[in-house]
Amino acid sequence: MTPAIDLLKKQRAEHRIHSYEHDPKSASYGLEAAEKLGLEPGRVFKTLLASSERHELLVAVVPVAGTLDLKALAQAAGVRRVEMADPQLAQRTTGYLVGGISPLGQKKRLRTFIDVSAQALPSMYVSAGRRGLEVELSAATLAEQTSATFASIGRAAS
């Protein structure tokens, strides 16, 4: 198991685990998850890390079919600007590998923001902490387990 799944079990949070055979050649981990699990891409969310001008790492959870709006994230976090975090720093801080970073069970608790689109869904899917492993849960459960804030931080793919 992974720290994300261990956390959900320990908290007795309602969730379901889904696994699939990860293809190392896949261009997008999130879109691969949606395709292999037969899901609408709007229900699968990716976990991204951004760094503020104060070097604070922030977690952003946005639909895999779109992108992260860095300006909107900065505004939601109350900072001047953010940029994508260095992948090595993201891995060291969360304890997860890129492509398998879960918003749950990270080594260090970081401020987390979930795109508001998740609230309209019956359930959402996020990485369970390993490539090829997703966890299905409600947006409310994810927010509760990560102390997250909902904000309009996702942008539809153009």
N, C-alpha and C. Protein backbone atom coordinates (compact mmCIF):
# COMPACT_ATOMS: atom_id res chain seq x y z
N MET A 1 0.83 -1.19 0.00
CA MET A 1 0.00 0.00 0.00
C MET A 1 0.87 1.26 0.00
N THR A 2 0.22 2.38 -0.13
CA THR A 2 0.92 3.66 -0.18
C THR A 2 0.50 4.51 1.03
N PRO A 3 1.27 5.55 1.35
CA PRO A 3 0.87 6.44 2.45
C PRO A 3 -0.53 7.04 2.24
N ALA A 4 -0.91 7.31 0.99
CA ALA A 4 -2.24 7.87 0.70
C ALA A 4 -3.34 6.89 1.12
N ILE A 5 -3.19 5.63 0.74
CA ILE A 5 -4.19 4.62 1.06
C ILE A 5 -4.19 4.34 2.56
N ASP A 6 -3.00 4.29 3.16
CA ASP A 6 -2.91 4.08 4.60
C ASP A 6 -3.65 5.17 5.36
N LEU A 7 -3.50 6.42 4.92
CA LEU A 7 -4.17 7.55 5.57
C LEU A 7 -5.69 7.39 5.49
N LEU A 8 -6.19 7.09 4.29
CA LEU A 8 -7.63 6.94 4.11
C LEU A 8 -8.20 5.81 4.97
N LYS A 9 -7.46 4.71 5.04
CA LYS A 9 -7.92 3.58 5.87
C LYS A 9 -7.91 3.95 7.34
N LYS A 10 -6.85 4.59 7.78
CA LYS A 10 -6.72 4.99 9.18
C LYS A 10 -7.85 5.94 9.58
N GLN A 11 -8.20 6.86 8.68
CA GLN A 11 -9.25 7.84 8.96
C GLN A 11 -10.66 7.28 8.70
N ARG A 12 -10.70 6.04 8.20
CA ARG A 12 -11.97 5.41 7.82
C ARG A 12 -12.76 6.27 6.83
N ALA A 13 -12.02 6.90 5.94
CA ALA A 13 -12.63 7.75 4.91
C ALA A 13 -13.14 6.87 3.77
N GLU A 14 -14.30 7.19 3.26
CA GLU A 14 -14.89 6.40 2.18
C GLU A 14 -14.08 6.60 0.90
N HIS A 15 -13.64 5.50 0.31
CA HIS A 15 -12.84 5.57 -0.93
C HIS A 15 -12.84 4.20 -1.61
N ARG A 16 -12.46 4.21 -2.88
CA ARG A 16 -12.29 2.97 -3.64
C ARG A 16 -10.97 3.07 -4.40
N ILE A 17 -10.26 1.97 -4.46
CA ILE A 17 -8.96 1.94 -5.14
C ILE A 17 -9.12 1.29 -6.51
N HIS A 18 -8.50 1.90 -7.51
CA HIS A 18 -8.54 1.39 -8.88
C HIS A 18 -7.10 1.29 -9.38
N SER A 19 -6.76 0.18 -10.00
CA SER A 19 -5.41 0.06 -10.55
C SER A 19 -5.47 -0.30 -12.03
N TYR A 20 -4.40 0.01 -12.72
CA TYR A 20 -4.28 -0.31 -14.14
C TYR A 20 -2.80 -0.49 -14.45
N GLU A 21 -2.52 -1.10 -15.57
CA GLU A 21 -1.14 -1.33 -16.00
C GLU A 21 -0.59 -0.05 -16.60
N HIS A 22 0.35 0.59 -15.89
CA HIS A 22 0.94 1.84 -16.36
C HIS A 22 1.91 1.59 -17.52
N ASP A 23 1.80 2.39 -18.56
CA ASP A 23 2.70 2.33 -19.71
C ASP A 23 3.76 3.41 -19.54
N PRO A 24 5.03 3.05 -19.34
CA PRO A 24 6.10 4.04 -19.14
C PRO A 24 6.24 5.03 -20.31
N LYS A 25 5.71 4.67 -21.48
CA LYS A 25 5.82 5.56 -22.65
C LYS A 25 4.67 6.56 -22.72
N SER A 26 3.73 6.47 -21.81
CA SER A 26 2.56 7.35 -21.83
C SER A 26 2.97 8.81 -21.65
N ALA A 27 2.40 9.69 -22.49
CA ALA A 27 2.74 11.12 -22.45
C ALA A 27 2.11 11.84 -21.27
N SER A 28 0.93 11.40 -20.85
CA SER A 28 0.22 12.05 -19.74
C SER A 28 -0.27 10.99 -18.77
N TYR A 29 0.24 11.03 -17.54
CA TYR A 29 -0.15 10.04 -16.54
C TYR A 29 -1.65 10.10 -16.26
N GLY A 30 -2.19 11.32 -16.12
CA GLY A 30 -3.60 11.49 -15.80
C GLY A 30 -4.53 11.04 -16.91
N LEU A 31 -4.21 11.44 -18.14
CA LEU A 31 -5.06 11.02 -19.27
C LEU A 31 -4.97 9.51 -19.48
N GLU A 32 -3.79 8.94 -19.20
CA GLU A 32 -3.64 7.49 -19.29
C GLU A 32 -4.57 6.82 -18.27
N ALA A 33 -4.63 7.36 -17.06
CA ALA A 33 -5.50 6.79 -16.02
C ALA A 33 -6.95 6.84 -16.47
N ALA A 34 -7.38 7.99 -17.01
CA ALA A 34 -8.76 8.14 -17.47
C ALA A 34 -9.08 7.11 -18.55
N GLU A 35 -8.17 6.99 -19.51
CA GLU A 35 -8.38 6.07 -20.63
C GLU A 35 -8.42 4.61 -20.16
N LYS A 36 -7.44 4.22 -19.37
CA LYS A 36 -7.35 2.82 -18.96
C LYS A 36 -8.45 2.41 -17.98
N LEU A 37 -8.98 3.37 -17.23
CA LEU A 37 -10.06 3.06 -16.29
C LEU A 37 -11.44 3.34 -16.89
N GLY A 38 -11.44 3.83 -18.16
CA GLY A 38 -12.69 4.10 -18.85
C GLY A 38 -13.49 5.24 -18.23
N LEU A 39 -12.79 6.30 -17.83
CA LEU A 39 -13.42 7.43 -17.14
C LEU A 39 -13.44 8.69 -17.99
N GLU A 40 -14.41 9.56 -17.70
CA GLU A 40 -14.42 10.91 -18.28
C GLU A 40 -13.18 11.62 -17.77
N PRO A 41 -12.37 12.26 -18.64
CA PRO A 41 -11.19 12.97 -18.15
C PRO A 41 -11.51 14.06 -17.11
N GLY A 42 -12.72 14.58 -17.12
CA GLY A 42 -13.10 15.60 -16.15
C GLY A 42 -13.24 15.09 -14.73
N ARG A 43 -13.26 13.76 -14.57
CA ARG A 43 -13.37 13.17 -13.22
C ARG A 43 -12.01 12.76 -12.65
N VAL A 44 -10.98 12.79 -13.50
CA VAL A 44 -9.64 12.41 -13.06
C VAL A 44 -8.83 13.69 -12.85
N PHE A 45 -8.22 13.79 -11.69
CA PHE A 45 -7.48 15.00 -11.33
C PHE A 45 -6.00 14.70 -11.14
N LYS A 46 -5.18 15.68 -11.55
CA LYS A 46 -3.74 15.55 -11.36
C LYS A 46 -3.32 16.41 -10.18
N THR A 47 -2.26 15.99 -9.52
CA THR A 47 -1.72 16.71 -8.38
C THR A 47 -0.44 17.39 -8.82
N LEU A 48 -0.45 18.72 -8.78
CA LEU A 48 0.70 19.51 -9.19
C LEU A 48 1.24 20.30 -8.01
N LEU A 49 2.55 20.55 -8.02
CA LEU A 49 3.14 21.38 -6.98
C LEU A 49 3.68 22.66 -7.60
N ALA A 50 3.39 23.76 -6.92
CA ALA A 50 3.85 25.07 -7.36
C ALA A 50 4.60 25.71 -6.20
N SER A 51 5.47 26.65 -6.53
CA SER A 51 6.27 27.34 -5.53
C SER A 51 5.99 28.83 -5.60
N SER A 52 5.74 29.43 -4.44
CA SER A 52 5.46 30.87 -4.40
C SER A 52 6.77 31.66 -4.36
N GLU A 53 6.64 32.98 -4.47
CA GLU A 53 7.84 33.83 -4.40
C GLU A 53 8.52 33.71 -3.04
N ARG A 54 7.77 33.23 -2.05
CA ARG A 54 8.35 33.02 -0.70
C ARG A 54 8.89 31.60 -0.55
N HIS A 55 8.95 30.85 -1.65
CA HIS A 55 9.44 29.47 -1.68
C HIS A 55 8.55 28.52 -0.89
N GLU A 56 7.27 28.88 -0.74
CA GLU A 56 6.31 27.98 -0.11
C GLU A 56 5.78 27.06 -1.20
N LEU A 57 5.80 25.76 -0.94
CA LEU A 57 5.24 24.81 -1.89
C LEU A 57 3.74 24.69 -1.66
N LEU A 58 2.99 24.70 -2.76
CA LEU A 58 1.54 24.60 -2.72
C LEU A 58 1.12 23.41 -3.57
N VAL A 59 0.07 22.72 -3.14
CA VAL A 59 -0.47 21.59 -3.89
C VAL A 59 -1.72 22.06 -4.62
N ALA A 60 -1.78 21.77 -5.93
CA ALA A 60 -2.94 22.12 -6.75
C ALA A 60 -3.49 20.84 -7.36
N VAL A 61 -4.79 20.64 -7.20
CA VAL A 61 -5.46 19.45 -7.72
C VAL A 61 -6.44 19.92 -8.80
N VAL A 62 -6.12 19.61 -10.06
CA VAL A 62 -6.90 20.10 -11.20
C VAL A 62 -7.22 18.96 -12.16
N PRO A 63 -8.30 19.11 -12.96
CA PRO A 63 -8.64 18.04 -13.92
C PRO A 63 -7.50 17.77 -14.90
N VAL A 64 -7.29 16.50 -15.23
CA VAL A 64 -6.20 16.12 -16.13
C VAL A 64 -6.41 16.66 -17.54
N ALA A 65 -7.66 16.93 -17.90
CA ALA A 65 -7.96 17.40 -19.25
C ALA A 65 -7.59 18.87 -19.44
N GLY A 66 -7.25 19.57 -18.39
CA GLY A 66 -6.92 21.00 -18.50
C GLY A 66 -5.55 21.30 -17.94
N THR A 67 -5.37 22.57 -17.57
CA THR A 67 -4.10 23.02 -17.02
C THR A 67 -4.33 23.81 -15.73
N LEU A 68 -3.26 24.04 -15.02
CA LEU A 68 -3.31 24.83 -13.81
C LEU A 68 -3.15 26.31 -14.17
N ASP A 69 -4.04 27.15 -13.67
CA ASP A 69 -3.96 28.59 -13.86
C ASP A 69 -3.11 29.13 -12.70
N LEU A 70 -1.84 29.43 -13.00
CA LEU A 70 -0.91 29.86 -11.96
C LEU A 70 -1.34 31.16 -11.28
N LYS A 71 -1.88 32.10 -12.06
CA LYS A 71 -2.34 33.36 -11.48
C LYS A 71 -3.48 33.12 -10.50
N ALA A 72 -4.41 32.25 -10.88
CA ALA A 72 -5.55 31.94 -10.01
C ALA A 72 -5.08 31.24 -8.74
N LEU A 73 -4.09 30.37 -8.85
CA LEU A 73 -3.55 29.70 -7.67
C LEU A 73 -2.89 30.71 -6.74
N ALA A 74 -2.11 31.63 -7.32
CA ALA A 74 -1.45 32.66 -6.50
C ALA A 74 -2.50 33.48 -5.76
N GLN A 75 -3.55 33.85 -6.46
CA GLN A 75 -4.62 34.64 -5.84
C GLN A 75 -5.29 33.84 -4.71
N ALA A 76 -5.59 32.58 -4.96
CA ALA A 76 -6.24 31.73 -3.95
C ALA A 76 -5.35 31.56 -2.72
N ALA A 77 -4.03 31.50 -2.95
CA ALA A 77 -3.08 31.29 -1.86
C ALA A 77 -2.68 32.60 -1.17
N GLY A 78 -3.09 33.73 -1.75
CA GLY A 78 -2.74 35.02 -1.16
C GLY A 78 -1.27 35.38 -1.30
N VAL A 79 -0.69 34.96 -2.43
CA VAL A 79 0.71 35.31 -2.71
C VAL A 79 0.77 36.07 -4.03
N ARG A 80 1.91 36.72 -4.29
CA ARG A 80 2.02 37.53 -5.51
C ARG A 80 2.09 36.68 -6.76
N ARG A 81 2.93 35.63 -6.73
CA ARG A 81 3.05 34.80 -7.92
C ARG A 81 3.52 33.40 -7.54
N VAL A 82 3.23 32.47 -8.43
CA VAL A 82 3.70 31.09 -8.26
C VAL A 82 4.23 30.58 -9.59
N GLU A 83 5.10 29.61 -9.49
CA GLU A 83 5.59 28.92 -10.69
C GLU A 83 5.61 27.44 -10.36
N MET A 84 5.66 26.63 -11.40
CA MET A 84 5.70 25.19 -11.17
C MET A 84 6.95 24.85 -10.37
N ALA A 85 6.79 23.96 -9.41
CA ALA A 85 7.90 23.56 -8.55
C ALA A 85 8.85 22.63 -9.31
N ASP A 86 10.09 22.64 -8.90
CA ASP A 86 11.08 21.73 -9.45
C ASP A 86 10.64 20.29 -9.15
N PRO A 87 10.60 19.42 -10.18
CA PRO A 87 10.13 18.04 -9.96
C PRO A 87 10.90 17.29 -8.87
N GLN A 88 12.20 17.51 -8.78
CA GLN A 88 13.00 16.83 -7.75
C GLN A 88 12.58 17.29 -6.35
N LEU A 89 12.34 18.60 -6.21
CA LEU A 89 11.90 19.14 -4.93
C LEU A 89 10.50 18.60 -4.59
N ALA A 90 9.63 18.51 -5.58
CA ALA A 90 8.28 17.97 -5.38
C ALA A 90 8.37 16.53 -4.87
N GLN A 91 9.24 15.74 -5.47
CA GLN A 91 9.39 14.34 -5.07
C GLN A 91 9.94 14.23 -3.65
N ARG A 92 10.98 15.03 -3.35
CA ARG A 92 11.58 14.99 -2.01
C ARG A 92 10.58 15.42 -0.94
N THR A 93 9.81 16.46 -1.22
CA THR A 93 8.89 17.01 -0.23
C THR A 93 7.68 16.12 0.01
N THR A 94 7.15 15.52 -1.06
CA THR A 94 5.93 14.71 -0.92
C THR A 94 6.21 13.26 -0.58
N GLY A 95 7.38 12.76 -1.00
CA GLY A 95 7.70 11.35 -0.81
C GLY A 95 7.17 10.48 -1.95
N TYR A 96 6.63 11.11 -2.97
CA TYR A 96 6.09 10.39 -4.13
C TYR A 96 6.86 10.74 -5.40
N LEU A 97 6.84 9.83 -6.37
CA LEU A 97 7.46 10.09 -7.67
C LEU A 97 6.51 10.88 -8.55
N VAL A 98 7.07 11.75 -9.40
CA VAL A 98 6.27 12.49 -10.38
C VAL A 98 5.46 11.47 -11.19
N GLY A 99 4.19 11.79 -11.42
CA GLY A 99 3.31 10.85 -12.11
C GLY A 99 2.55 9.98 -11.13
N GLY A 100 2.97 10.02 -9.88
CA GLY A 100 2.29 9.25 -8.83
C GLY A 100 2.12 10.08 -7.57
N ILE A 101 2.28 11.41 -7.69
CA ILE A 101 2.14 12.27 -6.51
C ILE A 101 0.66 12.34 -6.13
N SER A 102 0.39 11.95 -4.92
CA SER A 102 -0.98 12.01 -4.39
C SER A 102 -1.11 13.24 -3.50
N PRO A 103 -2.30 13.86 -3.48
CA PRO A 103 -2.49 14.96 -2.53
C PRO A 103 -2.60 14.44 -1.10
N LEU A 104 -2.77 13.13 -0.95
CA LEU A 104 -2.96 12.49 0.35
C LEU A 104 -1.68 11.85 0.86
N GLY A 105 -1.47 11.90 2.17
CA GLY A 105 -0.36 11.17 2.79
C GLY A 105 1.02 11.65 2.41
N GLN A 106 1.16 12.93 2.10
CA GLN A 106 2.48 13.46 1.76
C GLN A 106 3.35 13.54 3.01
N LYS A 107 4.68 13.47 2.81
CA LYS A 107 5.61 13.51 3.94
C LYS A 107 5.44 14.79 4.75
N LYS A 108 5.20 15.91 4.05
CA LYS A 108 5.05 17.20 4.70
C LYS A 108 3.68 17.76 4.33
N ARG A 109 2.93 18.24 5.29
CA ARG A 109 1.60 18.79 5.03
C ARG A 109 1.76 20.16 4.37
N LEU A 110 1.25 20.28 3.15
CA LEU A 110 1.34 21.52 2.38
C LEU A 110 -0.05 22.10 2.18
N ARG A 111 -0.13 23.42 2.00
CA ARG A 111 -1.43 24.02 1.70
C ARG A 111 -1.91 23.46 0.37
N THR A 112 -3.16 23.03 0.34
CA THR A 112 -3.72 22.34 -0.82
C THR A 112 -4.95 23.07 -1.34
N PHE A 113 -5.04 23.14 -2.68
CA PHE A 113 -6.15 23.80 -3.35
C PHE A 113 -6.72 22.83 -4.39
N ILE A 114 -8.04 22.66 -4.37
CA ILE A 114 -8.72 21.76 -5.30
C ILE A 114 -9.59 22.62 -6.21
N ASP A 115 -9.53 22.33 -7.52
CA ASP A 115 -10.37 23.09 -8.45
C ASP A 115 -11.84 22.88 -8.10
N VAL A 116 -12.61 23.97 -8.18
CA VAL A 116 -14.04 23.94 -7.81
C VAL A 116 -14.85 22.95 -8.64
N SER A 117 -14.40 22.62 -9.83
CA SER A 117 -15.15 21.69 -10.67
C SER A 117 -15.37 20.34 -9.98
N ALA A 118 -14.49 19.99 -9.04
CA ALA A 118 -14.60 18.72 -8.34
C ALA A 118 -15.87 18.64 -7.49
N GLN A 119 -16.34 19.79 -7.01
CA GLN A 119 -17.51 19.80 -6.13
C GLN A 119 -18.80 19.36 -6.82
N ALA A 120 -18.85 19.48 -8.14
CA ALA A 120 -20.06 19.11 -8.88
C ALA A 120 -20.10 17.62 -9.22
N LEU A 121 -19.02 16.91 -8.95
CA LEU A 121 -18.92 15.50 -9.33
C LEU A 121 -19.39 14.57 -8.21
N PRO A 122 -19.98 13.42 -8.58
CA PRO A 122 -20.37 12.46 -7.54
C PRO A 122 -19.12 11.88 -6.84
N SER A 123 -18.05 11.73 -7.60
CA SER A 123 -16.77 11.31 -7.03
C SER A 123 -15.68 11.75 -8.00
N MET A 124 -14.46 11.80 -7.49
CA MET A 124 -13.31 12.20 -8.31
C MET A 124 -12.20 11.17 -8.10
N TYR A 125 -11.25 11.19 -9.01
CA TYR A 125 -10.12 10.26 -8.94
C TYR A 125 -8.83 11.05 -8.84
N VAL A 126 -7.97 10.66 -7.89
CA VAL A 126 -6.64 11.25 -7.77
C VAL A 126 -5.64 10.12 -7.62
N SER A 127 -4.38 10.43 -7.81
CA SER A 127 -3.36 9.40 -7.66
C SER A 127 -3.38 8.87 -6.24
N ALA A 128 -3.21 7.57 -6.13
CA ALA A 128 -3.15 6.93 -4.81
C ALA A 128 -1.70 6.80 -4.34
N GLY A 129 -0.78 7.44 -5.06
CA GLY A 129 0.61 7.44 -4.61
C GLY A 129 1.57 6.61 -5.43
N ARG A 130 1.07 6.07 -6.54
CA ARG A 130 1.94 5.28 -7.42
C ARG A 130 1.35 5.33 -8.81
N ARG A 131 2.21 5.35 -9.81
CA ARG A 131 1.73 5.31 -11.19
C ARG A 131 0.95 4.02 -11.39
N GLY A 132 -0.25 4.15 -11.97
CA GLY A 132 -1.08 2.97 -12.18
C GLY A 132 -2.04 2.69 -11.03
N LEU A 133 -2.10 3.60 -10.06
CA LEU A 133 -2.98 3.41 -8.91
C LEU A 133 -3.73 4.71 -8.63
N GLU A 134 -5.07 4.63 -8.69
CA GLU A 134 -5.92 5.80 -8.46
C GLU A 134 -6.85 5.52 -7.29
N VAL A 135 -7.24 6.58 -6.60
CA VAL A 135 -8.22 6.44 -5.53
C VAL A 135 -9.43 7.29 -5.91
N GLU A 136 -10.61 6.70 -5.75
CA GLU A 136 -11.87 7.39 -6.02
C GLU A 136 -12.46 7.80 -4.67
N LEU A 137 -12.83 9.07 -4.56
CA LEU A 137 -13.43 9.58 -3.34
C LEU A 137 -14.21 10.85 -3.65
N SER A 138 -14.97 11.32 -2.70
CA SER A 138 -15.72 12.57 -2.93
C SER A 138 -14.78 13.75 -2.76
N ALA A 139 -15.12 14.86 -3.41
CA ALA A 139 -14.32 16.08 -3.27
C ALA A 139 -14.30 16.53 -1.82
N ALA A 140 -15.42 16.37 -1.12
CA ALA A 140 -15.49 16.77 0.29
C ALA A 140 -14.53 15.93 1.14
N THR A 141 -14.46 14.63 0.86
CA THR A 141 -13.54 13.76 1.60
C THR A 141 -12.09 14.16 1.34
N LEU A 142 -11.75 14.43 0.08
CA LEU A 142 -10.39 14.84 -0.24
C LEU A 142 -10.06 16.15 0.48
N ALA A 143 -10.98 17.10 0.44
CA ALA A 143 -10.74 18.40 1.10
C ALA A 143 -10.56 18.21 2.61
N GLU A 144 -11.38 17.35 3.18
CA GLU A 144 -11.29 17.10 4.63
C GLU A 144 -9.95 16.47 5.00
N GLN A 145 -9.50 15.50 4.21
CA GLN A 145 -8.27 14.77 4.52
C GLN A 145 -7.00 15.58 4.25
N THR A 146 -7.11 16.63 3.43
CA THR A 146 -5.93 17.44 3.09
C THR A 146 -6.04 18.87 3.61
N SER A 147 -7.12 19.18 4.32
CA SER A 147 -7.40 20.56 4.78
C SER A 147 -7.36 21.53 3.60
N ALA A 148 -7.93 21.10 2.47
CA ALA A 148 -7.85 21.88 1.23
C ALA A 148 -8.91 22.96 1.16
N THR A 149 -8.63 23.91 0.28
CA THR A 149 -9.54 24.99 -0.06
C THR A 149 -9.98 24.78 -1.52
N PHE A 150 -11.26 25.00 -1.80
CA PHE A 150 -11.73 24.94 -3.18
C PHE A 150 -11.55 26.30 -3.82
N ALA A 151 -11.03 26.32 -5.05
CA ALA A 151 -10.80 27.58 -5.77
C ALA A 151 -10.84 27.30 -7.27
N SER A 152 -11.14 28.32 -8.05
CA SER A 152 -11.15 28.20 -9.52
C SER A 152 -9.71 28.29 -10.03
N ILE A 153 -9.00 27.17 -9.99
CA ILE A 153 -7.58 27.17 -10.36
C ILE A 153 -7.30 26.38 -11.64
N GLY A 154 -8.31 25.71 -12.17
CA GLY A 154 -8.12 24.92 -13.38
C GLY A 154 -8.56 25.71 -14.59
N ARG A 155 -7.91 25.45 -15.72
CA ARG A 155 -8.27 26.06 -17.00
C ARG A 155 -8.51 24.95 -17.99
N ALA A 156 -9.60 25.05 -18.74
CA ALA A 156 -9.89 24.03 -19.75
C ALA A 156 -8.78 24.02 -20.80
N ALA A 157 -8.51 22.86 -21.33
CA ALA A 157 -7.49 22.75 -22.38
C ALA A 157 -7.94 23.54 -23.59
N SER A 158 -7.01 24.25 -24.22
CA SER A 158 -7.38 25.07 -25.38
C SER A 158 -7.11 24.35 -26.67
